[in-house]
Amino acid sequence: MKKIYSTLLLSLLVFSCSNEQLGTAIVKDNDEYSLNAKELLKSYVNNDFDLWDELFSVDCEVRFNNIVLDKKTTMEGLKQDHILFESIKVSDDYSHTNYFKNGEIWTNHWFTLTYTGSRTKETTIARGHTDFKWENGKAVIFQVYYDPTFQIKEAAAMSQMKE
């Protein structure tokens, strides 16, 4: 019995020493990537997409609520928001970047946007979350999560106006 415990303890010790934790990361909230996420949001609010062109790779994969889009389609949608909404404001803006042991760099970004519809004049407060995967200083994956119901409603109201 003592031999079994000794073998078990030795196995556990060897396993725990050789089990490299790839999930560990250094987290920073005032680094270039975290600040870039905030600047991208600010430029979206200001209807200026030069920084988006600069920081997004040509073939950046965008996942909007898990629907995969390309960079061009995403940029067109973001610009459309400034037709649908007469006012867009940001608050509760926080980001941090995870520098993983395996070399991957991901920025997580949380924020609240307040929209006022151009047609309905309704104000909507939408909490959002984005993730950026960075390679060579460019976003190669951009994940966006929020409820777009208010945008659909405003677009429907605007299309009725055109009829």
N, C-alpha and C. Protein backbone atom coordinates (compact mmCIF):
# COMPACT_ATOMS: atom_id res chain seq x y z
N MET A 1 0.83 -1.19 0.00
CA MET A 1 0.00 0.00 0.00
C MET A 1 0.87 1.26 0.00
N LYS A 2 1.95 1.20 0.80
CA LYS A 2 2.86 2.34 0.88
C LYS A 2 3.50 2.59 -0.48
N LYS A 3 3.79 1.50 -1.20
CA LYS A 3 4.40 1.59 -2.52
C LYS A 3 3.43 2.27 -3.51
N ILE A 4 2.16 1.97 -3.40
CA ILE A 4 1.14 2.56 -4.28
C ILE A 4 1.07 4.06 -4.04
N TYR A 5 1.03 4.47 -2.77
CA TYR A 5 0.99 5.90 -2.45
C TYR A 5 2.24 6.62 -2.93
N SER A 6 3.39 5.98 -2.75
CA SER A 6 4.65 6.58 -3.19
C SER A 6 4.67 6.75 -4.71
N THR A 7 4.21 5.73 -5.43
CA THR A 7 4.15 5.80 -6.89
C THR A 7 3.17 6.87 -7.34
N LEU A 8 2.03 6.92 -6.69
CA LEU A 8 1.02 7.93 -7.02
C LEU A 8 1.55 9.34 -6.76
N LEU A 9 2.20 9.54 -5.63
CA LEU A 9 2.76 10.84 -5.28
C LEU A 9 3.85 11.24 -6.27
N LEU A 10 4.72 10.30 -6.62
CA LEU A 10 5.79 10.57 -7.58
C LEU A 10 5.21 10.91 -8.95
N SER A 11 4.20 10.18 -9.38
CA SER A 11 3.55 10.45 -10.67
C SER A 11 2.91 11.83 -10.68
N LEU A 12 2.25 12.18 -9.60
CA LEU A 12 1.62 13.49 -9.49
C LEU A 12 2.66 14.60 -9.53
N LEU A 13 3.76 14.40 -8.84
CA LEU A 13 4.84 15.39 -8.81
C LEU A 13 5.45 15.57 -10.20
N VAL A 14 5.73 14.49 -10.90
CA VAL A 14 6.30 14.56 -12.25
C VAL A 14 5.32 15.23 -13.20
N PHE A 15 4.05 14.85 -13.12
CA PHE A 15 3.04 15.43 -14.01
C PHE A 15 2.88 16.92 -13.77
N SER A 16 2.84 17.33 -12.51
CA SER A 16 2.63 18.76 -12.22
C SER A 16 3.84 19.59 -12.63
N CYS A 17 5.03 19.04 -12.58
CA CYS A 17 6.22 19.79 -13.00
C CYS A 17 6.32 19.90 -14.51
N SER A 18 5.82 18.91 -15.23
CA SER A 18 5.94 18.93 -16.69
C SER A 18 4.72 19.52 -17.37
N ASN A 19 3.69 19.85 -16.63
CA ASN A 19 2.46 20.38 -17.21
C ASN A 19 2.58 21.89 -17.41
N GLU A 20 3.08 22.29 -18.59
CA GLU A 20 3.23 23.71 -18.89
C GLU A 20 1.86 24.33 -19.10
N GLN A 21 1.61 25.43 -18.44
CA GLN A 21 0.32 26.09 -18.53
C GLN A 21 0.34 27.12 -19.66
N LEU A 22 -0.20 26.74 -20.81
CA LEU A 22 -0.23 27.63 -21.97
C LEU A 22 -1.26 28.73 -21.81
N GLY A 23 -2.20 28.55 -20.89
CA GLY A 23 -3.26 29.53 -20.73
C GLY A 23 -2.87 30.74 -19.89
N THR A 24 -1.67 30.75 -19.37
CA THR A 24 -1.27 31.90 -18.56
C THR A 24 -0.91 33.07 -19.46
N ALA A 25 -1.12 34.27 -18.94
CA ALA A 25 -0.87 35.47 -19.73
C ALA A 25 -0.46 36.62 -18.82
N ILE A 26 0.19 37.59 -19.42
CA ILE A 26 0.43 38.87 -18.77
C ILE A 26 -0.67 39.79 -19.27
N VAL A 27 -1.33 40.48 -18.35
CA VAL A 27 -2.44 41.36 -18.72
C VAL A 27 -2.03 42.81 -18.48
N LYS A 28 -2.23 43.63 -19.51
CA LYS A 28 -1.90 45.06 -19.42
C LYS A 28 -3.11 45.87 -19.86
N ASP A 29 -3.32 47.03 -19.22
CA ASP A 29 -4.46 47.86 -19.61
C ASP A 29 -4.06 49.26 -20.07
N ASN A 30 -2.76 49.51 -20.17
CA ASN A 30 -2.31 50.82 -20.65
C ASN A 30 -1.26 50.65 -21.75
N ASP A 31 -1.33 49.55 -22.46
CA ASP A 31 -0.39 49.26 -23.53
C ASP A 31 -0.94 49.75 -24.87
N GLU A 32 -0.14 49.61 -25.90
CA GLU A 32 -0.52 50.09 -27.24
C GLU A 32 -1.83 49.46 -27.74
N TYR A 33 -1.99 48.16 -27.56
CA TYR A 33 -3.16 47.47 -28.09
C TYR A 33 -4.44 47.86 -27.35
N SER A 34 -4.36 47.96 -26.02
CA SER A 34 -5.53 48.38 -25.24
C SER A 34 -5.94 49.80 -25.61
N LEU A 35 -4.96 50.66 -25.78
CA LEU A 35 -5.26 52.05 -26.18
C LEU A 35 -5.79 52.11 -27.61
N ASN A 36 -5.28 51.23 -28.49
CA ASN A 36 -5.80 51.17 -29.86
C ASN A 36 -7.28 50.80 -29.88
N ALA A 37 -7.68 49.85 -29.04
CA ALA A 37 -9.09 49.45 -28.98
C ALA A 37 -9.96 50.65 -28.61
N LYS A 38 -9.52 51.42 -27.64
CA LYS A 38 -10.28 52.61 -27.23
C LYS A 38 -10.30 53.67 -28.33
N GLU A 39 -9.18 53.85 -29.01
CA GLU A 39 -9.10 54.83 -30.09
C GLU A 39 -9.98 54.42 -31.28
N LEU A 40 -10.04 53.12 -31.56
CA LEU A 40 -10.92 52.64 -32.64
C LEU A 40 -12.37 52.95 -32.32
N LEU A 41 -12.77 52.74 -31.07
CA LEU A 41 -14.14 53.04 -30.67
C LEU A 41 -14.41 54.54 -30.78
N LYS A 42 -13.47 55.34 -30.33
CA LYS A 42 -13.62 56.80 -30.40
C LYS A 42 -13.73 57.25 -31.87
N SER A 43 -12.93 56.66 -32.75
CA SER A 43 -12.99 57.05 -34.16
C SER A 43 -14.30 56.59 -34.80
N TYR A 44 -14.84 55.45 -34.35
CA TYR A 44 -16.17 55.01 -34.82
C TYR A 44 -17.22 56.05 -34.44
N VAL A 45 -17.20 56.48 -33.19
CA VAL A 45 -18.17 57.47 -32.71
C VAL A 45 -18.04 58.77 -33.51
N ASN A 46 -16.81 59.13 -33.88
CA ASN A 46 -16.56 60.36 -34.64
C ASN A 46 -16.70 60.19 -36.15
N ASN A 47 -17.13 59.00 -36.59
CA ASN A 47 -17.34 58.71 -38.02
C ASN A 47 -16.06 58.93 -38.83
N ASP A 48 -14.94 58.49 -38.27
CA ASP A 48 -13.64 58.60 -38.91
C ASP A 48 -13.02 57.20 -38.93
N PHE A 49 -12.86 56.63 -40.11
CA PHE A 49 -12.44 55.24 -40.20
C PHE A 49 -11.02 55.05 -40.73
N ASP A 50 -10.23 56.11 -40.72
CA ASP A 50 -8.83 56.00 -41.16
C ASP A 50 -8.04 55.04 -40.27
N LEU A 51 -8.23 55.13 -38.96
CA LEU A 51 -7.52 54.25 -38.04
C LEU A 51 -7.94 52.80 -38.24
N TRP A 52 -9.20 52.57 -38.57
CA TRP A 52 -9.68 51.22 -38.85
C TRP A 52 -8.94 50.64 -40.05
N ASP A 53 -8.79 51.43 -41.10
CA ASP A 53 -8.04 50.98 -42.27
C ASP A 53 -6.59 50.68 -41.92
N GLU A 54 -6.04 51.50 -41.06
CA GLU A 54 -4.63 51.35 -40.68
C GLU A 54 -4.38 50.13 -39.80
N LEU A 55 -5.25 49.88 -38.83
CA LEU A 55 -5.00 48.84 -37.83
C LEU A 55 -5.59 47.47 -38.16
N PHE A 56 -6.52 47.39 -39.09
CA PHE A 56 -7.10 46.10 -39.45
C PHE A 56 -6.36 45.53 -40.65
N SER A 57 -5.97 44.26 -40.55
CA SER A 57 -5.31 43.63 -41.69
C SER A 57 -6.30 43.56 -42.85
N VAL A 58 -5.78 43.47 -44.05
CA VAL A 58 -6.61 43.43 -45.25
C VAL A 58 -7.61 42.28 -45.18
N ASP A 59 -7.15 41.14 -44.67
CA ASP A 59 -8.02 39.96 -44.60
C ASP A 59 -8.53 39.69 -43.18
N CYS A 60 -8.69 40.74 -42.40
CA CYS A 60 -9.19 40.61 -41.03
C CYS A 60 -10.54 39.88 -41.03
N GLU A 61 -10.64 38.87 -40.19
CA GLU A 61 -11.89 38.13 -40.05
C GLU A 61 -12.72 38.77 -38.94
N VAL A 62 -13.91 39.20 -39.29
CA VAL A 62 -14.80 39.83 -38.32
C VAL A 62 -15.89 38.83 -37.96
N ARG A 63 -16.11 38.67 -36.68
CA ARG A 63 -17.17 37.77 -36.19
C ARG A 63 -18.16 38.62 -35.42
N PHE A 64 -19.25 38.96 -36.08
CA PHE A 64 -20.30 39.78 -35.48
C PHE A 64 -21.35 38.85 -34.90
N ASN A 65 -21.38 38.73 -33.57
CA ASN A 65 -22.26 37.77 -32.91
C ASN A 65 -22.15 36.40 -33.57
N ASN A 66 -20.91 36.01 -33.89
CA ASN A 66 -20.54 34.73 -34.50
C ASN A 66 -20.93 34.59 -35.97
N ILE A 67 -21.35 35.67 -36.62
CA ILE A 67 -21.55 35.68 -38.07
C ILE A 67 -20.27 36.24 -38.67
N VAL A 68 -19.63 35.47 -39.55
CA VAL A 68 -18.34 35.87 -40.09
C VAL A 68 -18.54 36.84 -41.25
N LEU A 69 -17.84 37.98 -41.16
CA LEU A 69 -17.87 39.03 -42.19
C LEU A 69 -16.45 39.39 -42.58
N ASP A 70 -16.31 40.09 -43.69
CA ASP A 70 -14.99 40.59 -44.06
C ASP A 70 -14.86 42.05 -43.63
N LYS A 71 -13.67 42.58 -43.78
CA LYS A 71 -13.38 43.95 -43.35
C LYS A 71 -14.24 44.96 -44.09
N LYS A 72 -14.36 44.81 -45.41
CA LYS A 72 -15.11 45.78 -46.22
C LYS A 72 -16.57 45.86 -45.79
N THR A 73 -17.21 44.72 -45.64
CA THR A 73 -18.62 44.67 -45.23
C THR A 73 -18.80 45.30 -43.85
N THR A 74 -17.87 45.01 -42.96
CA THR A 74 -17.93 45.57 -41.61
C THR A 74 -17.83 47.09 -41.64
N MET A 75 -16.88 47.60 -42.40
CA MET A 75 -16.69 49.05 -42.49
C MET A 75 -17.94 49.73 -43.04
N GLU A 76 -18.56 49.12 -44.05
CA GLU A 76 -19.79 49.69 -44.61
C GLU A 76 -20.89 49.73 -43.56
N GLY A 77 -21.01 48.67 -42.76
CA GLY A 77 -22.02 48.62 -41.70
C GLY A 77 -21.79 49.67 -40.63
N LEU A 78 -20.53 49.84 -40.25
CA LEU A 78 -20.20 50.84 -39.23
C LEU A 78 -20.52 52.25 -39.72
N LYS A 79 -20.23 52.51 -40.97
CA LYS A 79 -20.53 53.83 -41.54
C LYS A 79 -22.04 54.06 -41.64
N GLN A 80 -22.79 53.00 -41.89
CA GLN A 80 -24.25 53.07 -41.98
C GLN A 80 -24.86 53.53 -40.66
N ASP A 81 -24.22 53.18 -39.55
CA ASP A 81 -24.73 53.61 -38.24
C ASP A 81 -24.86 55.12 -38.15
N HIS A 82 -24.02 55.85 -38.85
CA HIS A 82 -24.06 57.32 -38.79
C HIS A 82 -25.17 57.90 -39.66
N ILE A 83 -25.79 57.08 -40.46
CA ILE A 83 -27.01 57.47 -41.19
C ILE A 83 -28.22 57.13 -40.33
N LEU A 84 -28.18 55.96 -39.70
CA LEU A 84 -29.29 55.51 -38.87
C LEU A 84 -29.43 56.32 -37.58
N PHE A 85 -28.32 56.82 -37.05
CA PHE A 85 -28.35 57.48 -35.75
C PHE A 85 -27.78 58.88 -35.83
N GLU A 86 -28.52 59.83 -35.26
CA GLU A 86 -28.06 61.22 -35.28
C GLU A 86 -27.04 61.50 -34.19
N SER A 87 -26.96 60.61 -33.23
CA SER A 87 -26.02 60.78 -32.13
C SER A 87 -25.54 59.41 -31.65
N ILE A 88 -24.23 59.30 -31.45
CA ILE A 88 -23.63 58.10 -30.86
C ILE A 88 -22.62 58.58 -29.82
N LYS A 89 -22.79 58.09 -28.58
CA LYS A 89 -21.89 58.49 -27.49
C LYS A 89 -21.36 57.24 -26.79
N VAL A 90 -20.15 57.33 -26.28
CA VAL A 90 -19.52 56.21 -25.59
C VAL A 90 -19.33 56.53 -24.11
N SER A 91 -19.48 55.49 -23.27
CA SER A 91 -19.19 55.59 -21.84
C SER A 91 -18.73 54.22 -21.34
N ASP A 92 -18.31 54.17 -20.09
CA ASP A 92 -17.88 52.90 -19.47
C ASP A 92 -16.90 52.13 -20.34
N ASP A 93 -15.91 52.81 -20.84
CA ASP A 93 -14.94 52.27 -21.79
C ASP A 93 -13.75 51.66 -21.06
N TYR A 94 -13.57 50.33 -21.16
CA TYR A 94 -12.44 49.66 -20.52
C TYR A 94 -11.87 48.61 -21.46
N SER A 95 -10.55 48.54 -21.54
CA SER A 95 -9.92 47.48 -22.32
C SER A 95 -8.65 47.00 -21.62
N HIS A 96 -8.31 45.75 -21.88
CA HIS A 96 -7.01 45.23 -21.45
C HIS A 96 -6.54 44.22 -22.49
N THR A 97 -5.25 44.00 -22.50
CA THR A 97 -4.66 43.09 -23.48
C THR A 97 -3.97 41.94 -22.76
N ASN A 98 -4.20 40.74 -23.29
CA ASN A 98 -3.62 39.52 -22.76
C ASN A 98 -2.45 39.10 -23.65
N TYR A 99 -1.27 39.03 -23.07
CA TYR A 99 -0.07 38.57 -23.77
C TYR A 99 0.17 37.13 -23.32
N PHE A 100 -0.26 36.17 -24.14
CA PHE A 100 -0.19 34.77 -23.77
C PHE A 100 1.21 34.19 -23.96
N LYS A 101 1.48 33.16 -23.19
CA LYS A 101 2.77 32.49 -23.23
C LYS A 101 3.08 31.93 -24.62
N ASN A 102 2.06 31.53 -25.35
CA ASN A 102 2.28 30.94 -26.67
C ASN A 102 2.48 32.00 -27.76
N GLY A 103 2.52 33.29 -27.37
CA GLY A 103 2.78 34.36 -28.33
C GLY A 103 1.55 35.08 -28.84
N GLU A 104 0.36 34.53 -28.58
CA GLU A 104 -0.86 35.21 -29.04
C GLU A 104 -1.12 36.46 -28.21
N ILE A 105 -1.68 37.47 -28.88
CA ILE A 105 -2.02 38.73 -28.22
C ILE A 105 -3.49 39.02 -28.51
N TRP A 106 -4.28 39.13 -27.44
CA TRP A 106 -5.72 39.41 -27.56
C TRP A 106 -6.08 40.60 -26.66
N THR A 107 -6.83 41.52 -27.22
CA THR A 107 -7.37 42.63 -26.44
C THR A 107 -8.86 42.42 -26.23
N ASN A 108 -9.31 42.59 -24.99
CA ASN A 108 -10.73 42.53 -24.64
C ASN A 108 -11.19 43.94 -24.33
N HIS A 109 -12.37 44.30 -24.84
CA HIS A 109 -12.84 45.69 -24.72
C HIS A 109 -14.33 45.69 -24.37
N TRP A 110 -14.69 46.38 -23.30
CA TRP A 110 -16.08 46.52 -22.87
C TRP A 110 -16.45 47.99 -22.91
N PHE A 111 -17.68 48.28 -23.26
CA PHE A 111 -18.10 49.68 -23.37
C PHE A 111 -19.62 49.76 -23.43
N THR A 112 -20.12 50.98 -23.27
CA THR A 112 -21.54 51.27 -23.43
C THR A 112 -21.67 52.36 -24.48
N LEU A 113 -22.57 52.15 -25.44
CA LEU A 113 -22.85 53.16 -26.46
C LEU A 113 -24.29 53.62 -26.31
N THR A 114 -24.50 54.91 -26.44
CA THR A 114 -25.84 55.49 -26.40
C THR A 114 -26.14 56.05 -27.78
N TYR A 115 -27.19 55.54 -28.39
CA TYR A 115 -27.59 55.92 -29.74
C TYR A 115 -28.91 56.68 -29.69
N THR A 116 -29.05 57.69 -30.54
CA THR A 116 -30.34 58.37 -30.75
C THR A 116 -30.69 58.21 -32.22
N GLY A 117 -31.83 57.60 -32.48
CA GLY A 117 -32.24 57.30 -33.84
C GLY A 117 -32.51 58.53 -34.68
N SER A 118 -32.09 58.50 -35.93
CA SER A 118 -32.34 59.62 -36.85
C SER A 118 -33.82 59.73 -37.19
N ARG A 119 -34.50 58.61 -37.32
CA ARG A 119 -35.91 58.60 -37.70
C ARG A 119 -36.83 58.55 -36.48
N THR A 120 -36.58 57.57 -35.59
CA THR A 120 -37.48 57.37 -34.45
C THR A 120 -37.23 58.36 -33.31
N LYS A 121 -36.04 58.92 -33.27
CA LYS A 121 -35.60 59.82 -32.18
C LYS A 121 -35.51 59.10 -30.84
N GLU A 122 -35.62 57.77 -30.85
CA GLU A 122 -35.52 56.98 -29.63
C GLU A 122 -34.05 56.85 -29.22
N THR A 123 -33.82 56.88 -27.91
CA THR A 123 -32.48 56.70 -27.37
C THR A 123 -32.34 55.27 -26.86
N THR A 124 -31.25 54.62 -27.25
CA THR A 124 -30.98 53.25 -26.83
C THR A 124 -29.59 53.19 -26.22
N ILE A 125 -29.50 52.51 -25.10
CA ILE A 125 -28.20 52.28 -24.46
C ILE A 125 -27.85 50.82 -24.70
N ALA A 126 -26.71 50.61 -25.34
CA ALA A 126 -26.30 49.26 -25.71
C ALA A 126 -24.92 48.95 -25.13
N ARG A 127 -24.86 47.90 -24.34
CA ARG A 127 -23.58 47.43 -23.80
C ARG A 127 -22.94 46.54 -24.85
N GLY A 128 -21.65 46.72 -25.08
CA GLY A 128 -20.97 45.93 -26.10
C GLY A 128 -19.65 45.37 -25.60
N HIS A 129 -19.17 44.37 -26.32
CA HIS A 129 -17.88 43.75 -26.03
C HIS A 129 -17.21 43.40 -27.34
N THR A 130 -15.93 43.71 -27.45
CA THR A 130 -15.16 43.31 -28.62
C THR A 130 -13.87 42.64 -28.17
N ASP A 131 -13.37 41.77 -29.05
CA ASP A 131 -12.07 41.13 -28.86
C ASP A 131 -11.26 41.35 -30.13
N PHE A 132 -9.99 41.62 -29.97
CA PHE A 132 -9.08 41.78 -31.10
C PHE A 132 -7.95 40.77 -30.95
N LYS A 133 -7.68 40.02 -31.99
CA LYS A 133 -6.46 39.21 -32.03
C LYS A 133 -5.47 39.98 -32.90
N TRP A 134 -4.27 40.23 -32.36
CA TRP A 134 -3.28 41.04 -33.04
C TRP A 134 -2.12 40.18 -33.53
N GLU A 135 -1.67 40.47 -34.75
CA GLU A 135 -0.45 39.88 -35.29
C GLU A 135 0.30 40.98 -36.03
N ASN A 136 1.55 41.16 -35.68
CA ASN A 136 2.40 42.18 -36.32
C ASN A 136 1.76 43.56 -36.29
N GLY A 137 1.11 43.90 -35.18
CA GLY A 137 0.53 45.22 -35.01
C GLY A 137 -0.81 45.43 -35.69
N LYS A 138 -1.36 44.39 -36.33
CA LYS A 138 -2.63 44.50 -37.05
C LYS A 138 -3.67 43.57 -36.43
N ALA A 139 -4.92 44.00 -36.44
CA ALA A 139 -6.02 43.13 -35.99
C ALA A 139 -6.30 42.12 -37.10
N VAL A 140 -6.18 40.84 -36.78
CA VAL A 140 -6.45 39.78 -37.75
C VAL A 140 -7.79 39.11 -37.48
N ILE A 141 -8.26 39.22 -36.24
CA ILE A 141 -9.60 38.76 -35.87
C ILE A 141 -10.23 39.86 -35.02
N PHE A 142 -11.47 40.19 -35.34
CA PHE A 142 -12.23 41.20 -34.59
C PHE A 142 -13.57 40.59 -34.27
N GLN A 143 -13.84 40.36 -32.98
CA GLN A 143 -15.10 39.76 -32.55
C GLN A 143 -15.94 40.83 -31.87
N VAL A 144 -17.22 40.89 -32.24
CA VAL A 144 -18.12 41.92 -31.74
C VAL A 144 -19.36 41.23 -31.16
N TYR A 145 -19.73 41.61 -29.95
CA TYR A 145 -20.90 41.02 -29.31
C TYR A 145 -21.79 42.11 -28.72
N TYR A 146 -23.02 42.19 -29.19
CA TYR A 146 -24.05 43.07 -28.62
C TYR A 146 -25.38 42.73 -29.29
N ASP A 147 -26.46 43.26 -28.76
CA ASP A 147 -27.80 43.02 -29.30
C ASP A 147 -28.12 44.10 -30.33
N PRO A 148 -28.24 43.75 -31.62
CA PRO A 148 -28.47 44.74 -32.68
C PRO A 148 -29.94 45.07 -32.93
N THR A 149 -30.84 44.66 -32.05
CA THR A 149 -32.27 44.87 -32.26
C THR A 149 -32.61 46.34 -32.53
N PHE A 150 -31.99 47.25 -31.79
CA PHE A 150 -32.28 48.67 -31.97
C PHE A 150 -31.87 49.17 -33.36
N GLN A 151 -30.80 48.60 -33.92
CA GLN A 151 -30.37 48.99 -35.26
C GLN A 151 -31.36 48.50 -36.31
N ILE A 152 -31.84 47.30 -36.13
CA ILE A 152 -32.82 46.73 -37.06
C ILE A 152 -34.10 47.57 -37.02
N LYS A 153 -34.52 47.95 -35.82
CA LYS A 153 -35.72 48.77 -35.66
C LYS A 153 -35.55 50.13 -36.34
N GLU A 154 -34.41 50.76 -36.16
CA GLU A 154 -34.16 52.07 -36.76
C GLU A 154 -34.07 51.96 -38.28
N ALA A 155 -33.45 50.90 -38.78
CA ALA A 155 -33.35 50.70 -40.23
C ALA A 155 -34.74 50.49 -40.83
N ALA A 156 -35.61 49.75 -40.13
CA ALA A 156 -36.98 49.53 -40.61
C ALA A 156 -37.74 50.85 -40.65
N ALA A 157 -37.59 51.67 -39.62
CA ALA A 157 -38.27 52.97 -39.59
C ALA A 157 -37.76 53.86 -40.72
N MET A 158 -36.49 53.79 -41.00
CA MET A 158 -35.92 54.62 -42.07
C MET A 158 -36.39 54.14 -43.44
N SER A 159 -36.51 52.82 -43.62
CA SER A 159 -36.97 52.31 -44.92
C SER A 159 -38.44 52.65 -45.16
N GLN A 160 -39.25 52.72 -44.10
CA GLN A 160 -40.65 53.13 -44.24
C GLN A 160 -40.74 54.59 -44.64
N MET A 161 -39.80 55.39 -44.19
CA MET A 161 -39.77 56.80 -44.52
C MET A 161 -39.51 57.00 -46.02
N LYS A 162 -38.73 56.11 -46.61
CA LYS A 162 -38.37 56.22 -48.02
C LYS A 162 -39.50 55.79 -48.94
N GLU A 163 -40.45 55.03 -48.41
CA GLU A 163 -41.55 54.51 -49.24
C GLU A 163 -42.59 55.56 -49.55
